[in-house]
Amino acid sequence: MTRSQVSLRAATADDATRLAEVWGDVIRRVDAEERVADMTAVLAAVAESTDQRIVVAEYDGQFAGAVHLQATTMSALNLEPVVRALSPHVLPEFRRHGVGSALMDAAVQWAEELGIGHVATAAVAGSRDANRFMARIALGPYAVLRVATTHAVRARLTAHRRPAIASGGRQLTQVLAARRSMRRSRAAAEG
């Protein structure tokens, strides 16, 4: 019988630097020092919460990955209890060694302890491997989270807005400018 080389433990303040590295693609895009400060703040908040935990996976004694667990509701509108496994990440050199399965097992175990019947997670849209892994362990799509900068959304909303009253030259100019902008956007998307 082979002994698993994956072990799990609660994250500590000493893990802030490694967590900033492993979650680099999902946290704020600031300099390394600020990322570590963010992770330190997250770890402090988790330490004071009974509804959150961060689980660190080690492979043969080396930091291999982590997951943030949160007991919450399915959404602000759907009050079905769920354990969210946020950002289950495994460092590239430890993939395909059971680390991801161990992290997701931690989410399932905690849900069972709490009597919660659902586990949810999110994977980066462009991460084919992560999304395939989640599908293999029975996690299907529930919703799509779409994100854009406030400026980009404002620009698109303004371009698509039709004037309430079509009187006056200024409004006509705005309509024509919006149509030109939409044509440029379509041409860029097609070309």
N, C-alpha and C. Protein backbone atom coordinates (compact mmCIF):
# COMPACT_ATOMS: atom_id res chain seq x y z
N MET A 1 0.85 -1.18 0.00
CA MET A 1 0.00 0.00 0.00
C MET A 1 0.89 1.24 0.00
N THR A 2 0.63 2.14 -0.94
CA THR A 2 1.42 3.35 -1.07
C THR A 2 0.84 4.45 -0.21
N ARG A 3 1.71 5.11 0.53
CA ARG A 3 1.29 6.23 1.37
C ARG A 3 1.24 7.50 0.51
N SER A 4 0.14 8.26 0.63
CA SER A 4 0.00 9.49 -0.13
C SER A 4 1.05 10.50 0.33
N GLN A 5 1.61 11.20 -0.63
CA GLN A 5 2.60 12.21 -0.30
C GLN A 5 1.96 13.58 -0.14
N VAL A 6 0.62 13.64 -0.25
CA VAL A 6 -0.10 14.90 -0.11
C VAL A 6 -0.64 15.00 1.31
N SER A 7 -0.34 16.13 1.95
CA SER A 7 -0.91 16.39 3.28
C SER A 7 -1.55 17.77 3.27
N LEU A 8 -2.59 17.92 4.07
CA LEU A 8 -3.32 19.17 4.14
C LEU A 8 -3.18 19.78 5.52
N ARG A 9 -3.21 21.11 5.56
CA ARG A 9 -3.14 21.82 6.84
C ARG A 9 -3.81 23.18 6.67
N ALA A 10 -4.15 23.79 7.80
CA ALA A 10 -4.69 25.14 7.77
C ALA A 10 -3.58 26.13 7.43
N ALA A 11 -3.91 27.12 6.65
CA ALA A 11 -2.92 28.15 6.30
C ALA A 11 -2.57 28.98 7.52
N THR A 12 -1.35 29.46 7.56
CA THR A 12 -0.89 30.34 8.63
C THR A 12 -0.41 31.65 8.02
N ALA A 13 -0.12 32.62 8.85
CA ALA A 13 0.38 33.91 8.38
C ALA A 13 1.68 33.75 7.59
N ASP A 14 2.46 32.72 7.90
CA ASP A 14 3.72 32.48 7.18
C ASP A 14 3.49 32.07 5.72
N ASP A 15 2.27 31.72 5.37
CA ASP A 15 1.97 31.27 4.01
C ASP A 15 1.63 32.42 3.06
N ALA A 16 1.58 33.64 3.54
CA ALA A 16 1.13 34.78 2.73
C ALA A 16 1.90 34.90 1.41
N THR A 17 3.20 34.77 1.44
CA THR A 17 4.00 34.91 0.23
C THR A 17 3.69 33.82 -0.78
N ARG A 18 3.60 32.57 -0.30
CA ARG A 18 3.31 31.45 -1.20
C ARG A 18 1.89 31.55 -1.76
N LEU A 19 0.94 31.99 -0.94
CA LEU A 19 -0.44 32.15 -1.41
C LEU A 19 -0.51 33.24 -2.48
N ALA A 20 0.24 34.31 -2.30
CA ALA A 20 0.28 35.38 -3.31
C ALA A 20 0.83 34.84 -4.63
N GLU A 21 1.75 33.88 -4.56
CA GLU A 21 2.30 33.27 -5.77
C GLU A 21 1.29 32.33 -6.43
N VAL A 22 0.72 31.44 -5.63
CA VAL A 22 -0.17 30.43 -6.20
C VAL A 22 -1.45 31.05 -6.74
N TRP A 23 -1.93 32.13 -6.13
CA TRP A 23 -3.15 32.80 -6.57
C TRP A 23 -2.85 34.05 -7.40
N GLY A 24 -1.67 34.14 -7.96
CA GLY A 24 -1.25 35.32 -8.71
C GLY A 24 -2.19 35.72 -9.84
N ASP A 25 -2.86 34.74 -10.47
CA ASP A 25 -3.73 35.07 -11.59
C ASP A 25 -5.14 35.47 -11.18
N VAL A 26 -5.47 35.39 -9.88
CA VAL A 26 -6.83 35.73 -9.46
C VAL A 26 -6.89 36.85 -8.42
N ILE A 27 -5.74 37.35 -7.99
CA ILE A 27 -5.74 38.45 -7.01
C ILE A 27 -5.40 39.76 -7.72
N ARG A 28 -5.43 40.85 -6.95
CA ARG A 28 -5.16 42.17 -7.53
C ARG A 28 -3.83 42.19 -8.26
N ARG A 29 -3.82 42.91 -9.36
CA ARG A 29 -2.59 43.04 -10.14
C ARG A 29 -1.82 44.27 -9.66
N VAL A 30 -1.08 44.06 -8.59
CA VAL A 30 -0.25 45.11 -8.00
C VAL A 30 1.15 44.52 -7.80
N ASP A 31 2.05 45.29 -7.22
CA ASP A 31 3.40 44.75 -7.04
C ASP A 31 3.39 43.63 -5.99
N ALA A 32 4.47 42.87 -5.97
CA ALA A 32 4.57 41.67 -5.12
C ALA A 32 4.35 41.99 -3.64
N GLU A 33 4.88 43.10 -3.19
CA GLU A 33 4.76 43.47 -1.78
C GLU A 33 3.29 43.70 -1.40
N GLU A 34 2.55 44.38 -2.28
CA GLU A 34 1.13 44.63 -2.00
C GLU A 34 0.31 43.34 -2.06
N ARG A 35 0.69 42.42 -2.94
CA ARG A 35 0.00 41.13 -3.03
C ARG A 35 0.17 40.36 -1.72
N VAL A 36 1.37 40.36 -1.19
CA VAL A 36 1.62 39.68 0.08
C VAL A 36 0.82 40.36 1.20
N ALA A 37 0.76 41.69 1.17
CA ALA A 37 -0.03 42.41 2.17
C ALA A 37 -1.52 42.04 2.05
N ASP A 38 -2.00 41.92 0.81
CA ASP A 38 -3.38 41.48 0.60
C ASP A 38 -3.61 40.10 1.20
N MET A 39 -2.70 39.18 0.94
CA MET A 39 -2.85 37.82 1.46
C MET A 39 -2.77 37.79 2.99
N THR A 40 -1.95 38.65 3.56
CA THR A 40 -1.87 38.75 5.02
C THR A 40 -3.21 39.20 5.58
N ALA A 41 -3.84 40.18 4.91
CA ALA A 41 -5.15 40.66 5.35
C ALA A 41 -6.21 39.57 5.19
N VAL A 42 -6.16 38.83 4.10
CA VAL A 42 -7.11 37.73 3.88
C VAL A 42 -6.94 36.67 4.96
N LEU A 43 -5.70 36.31 5.25
CA LEU A 43 -5.43 35.30 6.28
C LEU A 43 -5.93 35.76 7.65
N ALA A 44 -5.77 37.03 7.95
CA ALA A 44 -6.26 37.56 9.23
C ALA A 44 -7.78 37.49 9.30
N ALA A 45 -8.45 37.83 8.20
CA ALA A 45 -9.92 37.77 8.17
C ALA A 45 -10.41 36.33 8.30
N VAL A 46 -9.74 35.41 7.64
CA VAL A 46 -10.12 34.00 7.72
C VAL A 46 -9.91 33.48 9.13
N ALA A 47 -8.83 33.88 9.78
CA ALA A 47 -8.54 33.41 11.14
C ALA A 47 -9.63 33.82 12.13
N GLU A 48 -10.28 34.96 11.88
CA GLU A 48 -11.33 35.46 12.77
C GLU A 48 -12.72 34.95 12.39
N SER A 49 -12.84 34.23 11.28
CA SER A 49 -14.14 33.79 10.78
C SER A 49 -14.40 32.32 11.09
N THR A 50 -15.66 32.01 11.36
CA THR A 50 -16.04 30.60 11.52
C THR A 50 -16.59 30.04 10.21
N ASP A 51 -16.81 30.91 9.22
CA ASP A 51 -17.39 30.49 7.95
C ASP A 51 -16.37 30.38 6.82
N GLN A 52 -15.09 30.57 7.14
CA GLN A 52 -14.05 30.51 6.12
C GLN A 52 -12.85 29.74 6.63
N ARG A 53 -12.12 29.16 5.71
CA ARG A 53 -10.82 28.58 6.02
C ARG A 53 -10.00 28.50 4.74
N ILE A 54 -8.70 28.55 4.91
CA ILE A 54 -7.80 28.35 3.78
C ILE A 54 -7.03 27.08 4.08
N VAL A 55 -7.09 26.16 3.13
CA VAL A 55 -6.40 24.88 3.28
C VAL A 55 -5.20 24.88 2.34
N VAL A 56 -4.05 24.52 2.89
CA VAL A 56 -2.81 24.43 2.13
C VAL A 56 -2.48 22.96 1.92
N ALA A 57 -2.10 22.62 0.71
CA ALA A 57 -1.66 21.27 0.39
C ALA A 57 -0.14 21.27 0.28
N GLU A 58 0.45 20.27 0.88
CA GLU A 58 1.89 20.07 0.74
C GLU A 58 2.12 18.71 0.10
N TYR A 59 3.08 18.66 -0.79
CA TYR A 59 3.45 17.41 -1.44
C TYR A 59 4.87 17.07 -1.02
N ASP A 60 5.00 15.99 -0.31
CA ASP A 60 6.31 15.57 0.21
C ASP A 60 6.99 16.71 0.97
N GLY A 61 6.17 17.45 1.76
CA GLY A 61 6.68 18.52 2.61
C GLY A 61 6.84 19.87 1.94
N GLN A 62 6.54 19.97 0.64
CA GLN A 62 6.69 21.24 -0.08
C GLN A 62 5.32 21.84 -0.37
N PHE A 63 5.22 23.16 -0.27
CA PHE A 63 3.98 23.87 -0.59
C PHE A 63 3.60 23.52 -2.02
N ALA A 64 2.37 22.99 -2.21
CA ALA A 64 1.96 22.54 -3.54
C ALA A 64 0.70 23.23 -4.05
N GLY A 65 -0.11 23.78 -3.16
CA GLY A 65 -1.34 24.42 -3.61
C GLY A 65 -2.19 24.85 -2.43
N ALA A 66 -3.34 25.45 -2.74
CA ALA A 66 -4.22 25.93 -1.68
C ALA A 66 -5.63 26.12 -2.23
N VAL A 67 -6.58 26.20 -1.30
CA VAL A 67 -7.96 26.50 -1.64
C VAL A 67 -8.56 27.33 -0.50
N HIS A 68 -9.39 28.28 -0.85
CA HIS A 68 -10.12 29.09 0.13
C HIS A 68 -11.52 28.50 0.22
N LEU A 69 -11.93 28.08 1.39
CA LEU A 69 -13.27 27.51 1.59
C LEU A 69 -14.15 28.50 2.34
N GLN A 70 -15.40 28.58 1.91
CA GLN A 70 -16.34 29.49 2.54
C GLN A 70 -17.71 28.82 2.61
N ALA A 71 -18.26 28.74 3.83
CA ALA A 71 -19.62 28.27 4.00
C ALA A 71 -20.54 29.46 3.84
N THR A 72 -21.39 29.40 2.82
CA THR A 72 -22.22 30.55 2.49
C THR A 72 -23.51 30.07 1.84
N THR A 73 -24.13 30.91 1.04
CA THR A 73 -25.32 30.50 0.29
C THR A 73 -24.96 30.45 -1.19
N MET A 74 -25.81 29.77 -1.96
CA MET A 74 -25.55 29.61 -3.39
C MET A 74 -25.36 30.97 -4.06
N SER A 75 -26.18 31.94 -3.68
CA SER A 75 -26.04 33.32 -4.18
C SER A 75 -26.77 34.23 -3.20
N ALA A 76 -26.73 35.51 -3.47
CA ALA A 76 -27.44 36.46 -2.61
C ALA A 76 -28.95 36.25 -2.69
N LEU A 77 -29.42 35.65 -3.78
CA LEU A 77 -30.85 35.41 -3.97
C LEU A 77 -31.26 33.98 -3.65
N ASN A 78 -30.37 33.02 -3.91
CA ASN A 78 -30.64 31.61 -3.64
C ASN A 78 -29.99 31.25 -2.31
N LEU A 79 -30.79 31.07 -1.28
CA LEU A 79 -30.28 30.88 0.07
C LEU A 79 -29.93 29.42 0.40
N GLU A 80 -29.83 28.57 -0.61
CA GLU A 80 -29.40 27.18 -0.40
C GLU A 80 -27.96 27.20 0.12
N PRO A 81 -27.69 26.52 1.25
CA PRO A 81 -26.33 26.50 1.78
C PRO A 81 -25.35 25.78 0.83
N VAL A 82 -24.14 26.29 0.79
CA VAL A 82 -23.11 25.72 -0.08
C VAL A 82 -21.75 25.98 0.53
N VAL A 83 -20.81 25.09 0.30
CA VAL A 83 -19.41 25.36 0.61
C VAL A 83 -18.76 25.73 -0.71
N ARG A 84 -18.25 26.96 -0.78
CA ARG A 84 -17.56 27.41 -1.98
C ARG A 84 -16.07 27.12 -1.84
N ALA A 85 -15.55 26.44 -2.81
CA ALA A 85 -14.11 26.19 -2.88
C ALA A 85 -13.55 27.21 -3.87
N LEU A 86 -13.10 28.33 -3.33
CA LEU A 86 -12.63 29.43 -4.17
C LEU A 86 -11.16 29.24 -4.54
N SER A 87 -10.89 29.35 -5.79
CA SER A 87 -9.53 29.31 -6.32
C SER A 87 -8.71 28.11 -5.86
N PRO A 88 -9.19 26.90 -6.11
CA PRO A 88 -8.33 25.74 -5.82
C PRO A 88 -7.20 25.73 -6.85
N HIS A 89 -6.01 26.04 -6.40
CA HIS A 89 -4.86 26.14 -7.30
C HIS A 89 -3.77 25.17 -6.87
N VAL A 90 -3.13 24.58 -7.86
CA VAL A 90 -1.99 23.68 -7.62
C VAL A 90 -0.82 24.23 -8.44
N LEU A 91 0.34 24.32 -7.83
CA LEU A 91 1.52 24.78 -8.56
C LEU A 91 1.82 23.79 -9.69
N PRO A 92 2.28 24.30 -10.84
CA PRO A 92 2.47 23.44 -12.03
C PRO A 92 3.31 22.18 -11.78
N GLU A 93 4.34 22.29 -11.00
CA GLU A 93 5.22 21.12 -10.78
C GLU A 93 4.57 20.03 -9.94
N PHE A 94 3.42 20.32 -9.32
CA PHE A 94 2.74 19.33 -8.48
C PHE A 94 1.42 18.85 -9.08
N ARG A 95 1.13 19.27 -10.30
CA ARG A 95 -0.11 18.82 -10.93
C ARG A 95 -0.01 17.35 -11.29
N ARG A 96 -1.16 16.69 -11.28
CA ARG A 96 -1.28 15.26 -11.59
C ARG A 96 -0.63 14.37 -10.53
N HIS A 97 -0.62 14.89 -9.29
CA HIS A 97 -0.10 14.11 -8.16
C HIS A 97 -1.15 13.96 -7.05
N GLY A 98 -2.40 14.30 -7.34
CA GLY A 98 -3.46 14.15 -6.36
C GLY A 98 -3.68 15.36 -5.46
N VAL A 99 -2.96 16.45 -5.72
CA VAL A 99 -3.07 17.64 -4.88
C VAL A 99 -4.44 18.31 -5.07
N GLY A 100 -4.88 18.48 -6.30
CA GLY A 100 -6.18 19.09 -6.57
C GLY A 100 -7.31 18.26 -5.97
N SER A 101 -7.21 16.95 -6.10
CA SER A 101 -8.24 16.07 -5.52
C SER A 101 -8.27 16.20 -4.01
N ALA A 102 -7.11 16.30 -3.39
CA ALA A 102 -7.04 16.45 -1.93
C ALA A 102 -7.66 17.77 -1.49
N LEU A 103 -7.41 18.85 -2.24
CA LEU A 103 -7.99 20.15 -1.90
C LEU A 103 -9.51 20.12 -2.01
N MET A 104 -10.01 19.51 -3.09
CA MET A 104 -11.47 19.44 -3.26
C MET A 104 -12.08 18.48 -2.24
N ASP A 105 -11.35 17.45 -1.85
CA ASP A 105 -11.83 16.55 -0.80
C ASP A 105 -11.97 17.30 0.52
N ALA A 106 -11.09 18.24 0.78
CA ALA A 106 -11.20 19.06 2.00
C ALA A 106 -12.51 19.85 1.98
N ALA A 107 -12.90 20.36 0.80
CA ALA A 107 -14.16 21.09 0.67
C ALA A 107 -15.34 20.17 0.94
N VAL A 108 -15.30 18.97 0.38
CA VAL A 108 -16.39 18.00 0.57
C VAL A 108 -16.48 17.59 2.04
N GLN A 109 -15.35 17.32 2.66
CA GLN A 109 -15.35 16.92 4.08
C GLN A 109 -15.95 18.02 4.95
N TRP A 110 -15.57 19.27 4.70
CA TRP A 110 -16.10 20.37 5.51
C TRP A 110 -17.60 20.52 5.30
N ALA A 111 -18.06 20.39 4.04
CA ALA A 111 -19.49 20.45 3.75
C ALA A 111 -20.23 19.36 4.50
N GLU A 112 -19.67 18.16 4.52
CA GLU A 112 -20.29 17.05 5.25
C GLU A 112 -20.34 17.33 6.75
N GLU A 113 -19.26 17.87 7.30
CA GLU A 113 -19.22 18.22 8.72
C GLU A 113 -20.31 19.23 9.07
N LEU A 114 -20.55 20.19 8.17
CA LEU A 114 -21.52 21.24 8.40
C LEU A 114 -22.94 20.84 8.01
N GLY A 115 -23.09 19.67 7.40
CA GLY A 115 -24.40 19.23 6.95
C GLY A 115 -24.89 19.99 5.72
N ILE A 116 -23.97 20.46 4.92
CA ILE A 116 -24.29 21.23 3.71
C ILE A 116 -24.27 20.28 2.52
N GLY A 117 -25.31 20.35 1.70
CA GLY A 117 -25.48 19.40 0.61
C GLY A 117 -24.87 19.78 -0.72
N HIS A 118 -24.22 20.93 -0.81
CA HIS A 118 -23.65 21.35 -2.09
C HIS A 118 -22.23 21.89 -1.91
N VAL A 119 -21.41 21.63 -2.91
CA VAL A 119 -20.07 22.21 -3.01
C VAL A 119 -20.01 22.92 -4.35
N ALA A 120 -19.49 24.13 -4.36
CA ALA A 120 -19.35 24.91 -5.59
C ALA A 120 -17.91 25.38 -5.72
N THR A 121 -17.51 25.64 -6.92
CA THR A 121 -16.17 26.16 -7.17
C THR A 121 -16.19 27.02 -8.42
N ALA A 122 -15.10 27.68 -8.67
CA ALA A 122 -14.94 28.45 -9.89
C ALA A 122 -13.53 28.21 -10.41
N ALA A 123 -13.43 28.06 -11.70
CA ALA A 123 -12.12 27.90 -12.34
C ALA A 123 -11.97 29.04 -13.34
N VAL A 124 -10.77 29.49 -13.53
CA VAL A 124 -10.50 30.55 -14.50
C VAL A 124 -11.00 30.07 -15.86
N ALA A 125 -11.75 30.91 -16.56
CA ALA A 125 -12.38 30.52 -17.82
C ALA A 125 -11.38 29.96 -18.83
N GLY A 126 -10.20 30.52 -18.90
CA GLY A 126 -9.20 30.08 -19.87
C GLY A 126 -8.40 28.86 -19.44
N SER A 127 -8.65 28.34 -18.26
CA SER A 127 -7.88 27.20 -17.77
C SER A 127 -8.58 25.90 -18.16
N ARG A 128 -8.20 25.38 -19.28
CA ARG A 128 -8.82 24.16 -19.80
C ARG A 128 -8.65 22.99 -18.84
N ASP A 129 -7.42 22.80 -18.33
CA ASP A 129 -7.17 21.69 -17.41
C ASP A 129 -8.02 21.78 -16.15
N ALA A 130 -8.10 22.97 -15.58
CA ALA A 130 -8.89 23.14 -14.35
C ALA A 130 -10.36 22.87 -14.61
N ASN A 131 -10.89 23.36 -15.71
CA ASN A 131 -12.29 23.14 -16.01
C ASN A 131 -12.58 21.67 -16.31
N ARG A 132 -11.67 20.99 -16.97
CA ARG A 132 -11.85 19.55 -17.22
C ARG A 132 -11.80 18.77 -15.91
N PHE A 133 -10.88 19.15 -15.03
CA PHE A 133 -10.79 18.48 -13.73
C PHE A 133 -12.10 18.64 -12.96
N MET A 134 -12.63 19.86 -12.92
CA MET A 134 -13.87 20.11 -12.19
C MET A 134 -15.02 19.29 -12.78
N ALA A 135 -15.07 19.19 -14.09
CA ALA A 135 -16.12 18.39 -14.73
C ALA A 135 -15.96 16.90 -14.38
N ARG A 136 -14.73 16.43 -14.33
CA ARG A 136 -14.47 15.01 -13.99
C ARG A 136 -14.94 14.67 -12.58
N ILE A 137 -14.90 15.65 -11.66
CA ILE A 137 -15.32 15.34 -10.29
C ILE A 137 -16.77 15.80 -10.04
N ALA A 138 -17.56 15.85 -11.09
CA ALA A 138 -19.01 16.05 -11.03
C ALA A 138 -19.46 17.49 -10.85
N LEU A 139 -18.58 18.47 -10.96
CA LEU A 139 -18.98 19.87 -10.83
C LEU A 139 -19.36 20.43 -12.20
N GLY A 140 -20.64 20.72 -12.36
CA GLY A 140 -21.14 21.25 -13.63
C GLY A 140 -21.30 22.75 -13.57
N PRO A 141 -21.49 23.39 -14.71
CA PRO A 141 -21.66 24.84 -14.73
C PRO A 141 -22.98 25.24 -14.09
N TYR A 142 -22.96 26.31 -13.33
CA TYR A 142 -24.15 26.84 -12.68
C TYR A 142 -24.41 28.27 -13.15
N ALA A 143 -23.36 29.04 -13.30
CA ALA A 143 -23.46 30.42 -13.75
C ALA A 143 -22.14 30.82 -14.39
N VAL A 144 -22.16 31.89 -15.14
CA VAL A 144 -20.94 32.42 -15.73
C VAL A 144 -20.72 33.80 -15.13
N LEU A 145 -19.58 34.01 -14.51
CA LEU A 145 -19.23 35.30 -13.95
C LEU A 145 -18.46 36.07 -15.01
N ARG A 146 -19.01 37.19 -15.41
CA ARG A 146 -18.35 38.02 -16.42
C ARG A 146 -17.85 39.30 -15.76
N VAL A 147 -16.66 39.72 -16.12
CA VAL A 147 -16.03 40.87 -15.48
C VAL A 147 -15.43 41.78 -16.55
N ALA A 148 -15.58 43.08 -16.34
CA ALA A 148 -14.93 44.09 -17.19
C ALA A 148 -14.67 45.31 -16.33
N THR A 149 -13.82 46.18 -16.82
CA THR A 149 -13.56 47.41 -16.08
C THR A 149 -14.81 48.29 -16.12
N THR A 150 -14.97 49.10 -15.11
CA THR A 150 -16.10 50.02 -15.04
C THR A 150 -16.12 50.92 -16.27
N HIS A 151 -14.94 51.39 -16.65
CA HIS A 151 -14.82 52.28 -17.81
C HIS A 151 -15.32 51.59 -19.08
N ALA A 152 -14.95 50.34 -19.30
CA ALA A 152 -15.37 49.63 -20.51
C ALA A 152 -16.88 49.45 -20.55
N VAL A 153 -17.46 49.09 -19.42
CA VAL A 153 -18.92 48.90 -19.38
C VAL A 153 -19.62 50.23 -19.61
N ARG A 154 -19.14 51.31 -18.98
CA ARG A 154 -19.74 52.64 -19.18
C ARG A 154 -19.67 53.03 -20.65
N ALA A 155 -18.55 52.79 -21.29
CA ALA A 155 -18.39 53.16 -22.70
C ALA A 155 -19.39 52.39 -23.57
N ARG A 156 -19.55 51.11 -23.32
CA ARG A 156 -20.50 50.32 -24.11
C ARG A 156 -21.94 50.72 -23.83
N LEU A 157 -22.27 50.97 -22.57
CA LEU A 157 -23.63 51.39 -22.24
C LEU A 157 -23.96 52.73 -22.90
N THR A 158 -23.02 53.65 -22.86
CA THR A 158 -23.21 54.96 -23.46
C THR A 158 -23.37 54.84 -24.97
N ALA A 159 -22.57 53.99 -25.59
CA ALA A 159 -22.63 53.81 -27.04
C ALA A 159 -23.96 53.20 -27.48
N HIS A 160 -24.53 52.36 -26.63
CA HIS A 160 -25.77 51.68 -27.00
C HIS A 160 -27.04 52.40 -26.54
N ARG A 161 -26.88 53.44 -25.76
CA ARG A 161 -28.04 54.17 -25.24
C ARG A 161 -28.67 55.01 -26.34
N ARG A 162 -29.97 54.93 -26.43
CA ARG A 162 -30.71 55.74 -27.41
C ARG A 162 -31.27 56.96 -26.68
N PRO A 163 -31.24 58.12 -27.30
CA PRO A 163 -31.76 59.32 -26.63
C PRO A 163 -33.27 59.20 -26.42
N ALA A 164 -33.75 59.73 -25.30
CA ALA A 164 -35.17 59.66 -24.95
C ALA A 164 -36.00 60.52 -25.89
N ILE A 165 -35.49 61.69 -26.25
CA ILE A 165 -36.20 62.61 -27.14
C ILE A 165 -35.26 62.93 -28.29
N ALA A 166 -35.71 62.71 -29.49
CA ALA A 166 -34.85 62.89 -30.67
C ALA A 166 -34.95 64.31 -31.21
N SER A 167 -34.90 65.31 -30.36
CA SER A 167 -34.95 66.68 -30.83
C SER A 167 -33.62 67.35 -30.55
N GLY A 168 -33.27 68.28 -31.39
CA GLY A 168 -32.03 69.03 -31.18
C GLY A 168 -30.87 68.39 -31.91
N GLY A 169 -29.98 69.21 -32.41
CA GLY A 169 -28.82 68.74 -33.16
C GLY A 169 -27.82 67.96 -32.32
N ARG A 170 -27.71 68.32 -31.04
CA ARG A 170 -26.72 67.65 -30.18
C ARG A 170 -27.05 66.17 -30.02
N GLN A 171 -28.33 65.86 -29.82
CA GLN A 171 -28.72 64.46 -29.64
C GLN A 171 -28.50 63.68 -30.93
N LEU A 172 -28.79 64.29 -32.08
CA LEU A 172 -28.55 63.64 -33.35
C LEU A 172 -27.07 63.35 -33.53
N THR A 173 -26.22 64.28 -33.16
CA THR A 173 -24.78 64.08 -33.23
C THR A 173 -24.36 62.92 -32.35
N GLN A 174 -24.95 62.82 -31.16
CA GLN A 174 -24.63 61.72 -30.25
C GLN A 174 -25.07 60.38 -30.84
N VAL A 175 -26.23 60.35 -31.45
CA VAL A 175 -26.73 59.12 -32.07
C VAL A 175 -25.80 58.69 -33.19
N LEU A 176 -25.42 59.62 -34.05
CA LEU A 176 -24.53 59.29 -35.15
C LEU A 176 -23.17 58.82 -34.64
N ALA A 177 -22.66 59.46 -33.61
CA ALA A 177 -21.37 59.05 -33.04
C ALA A 177 -21.47 57.65 -32.44
N ALA A 178 -22.56 57.37 -31.77
CA ALA A 178 -22.76 56.04 -31.19
C ALA A 178 -22.83 54.98 -32.28
N ARG A 179 -23.53 55.28 -33.38
CA ARG A 179 -23.62 54.33 -34.49
C ARG A 179 -22.26 54.08 -35.12
N ARG A 180 -21.48 55.15 -35.30
CA ARG A 180 -20.12 54.98 -35.86
C ARG A 180 -19.28 54.11 -34.94
N SER A 181 -19.39 54.34 -33.65
CA SER A 181 -18.63 53.56 -32.67
C SER A 181 -19.04 52.09 -32.73
N MET A 182 -20.34 51.84 -32.84
CA MET A 182 -20.82 50.45 -32.92
C MET A 182 -20.32 49.78 -34.19
N ARG A 183 -20.32 50.52 -35.32
CA ARG A 183 -19.81 49.96 -36.57
C ARG A 183 -18.33 49.62 -36.46
N ARG A 184 -17.56 50.50 -35.82
CA ARG A 184 -16.12 50.23 -35.62
C ARG A 184 -15.92 49.00 -34.74
N SER A 185 -16.72 48.88 -33.69
CA SER A 185 -16.63 47.73 -32.79
C SER A 185 -16.94 46.44 -33.53
N ARG A 186 -18.01 46.45 -34.35
CA ARG A 186 -18.37 45.26 -35.12
C ARG A 186 -17.28 44.91 -36.12
N ALA A 187 -16.74 45.92 -36.80
CA ALA A 187 -15.69 45.68 -37.79
C ALA A 187 -14.45 45.10 -37.12
N ALA A 188 -14.11 45.59 -35.94
CA ALA A 188 -12.94 45.08 -35.23
C ALA A 188 -13.17 43.63 -34.80
N ALA A 189 -14.41 43.33 -34.38
CA ALA A 189 -14.72 41.97 -33.92
C ALA A 189 -14.72 40.98 -35.08
N GLU A 190 -15.17 41.42 -36.25
CA GLU A 190 -15.22 40.54 -37.41
C GLU A 190 -13.86 40.40 -38.08
N GLY A 191 -13.04 41.41 -37.98
CA GLY A 191 -11.76 41.42 -38.71
C GLY A 191 -10.67 40.96 -37.88
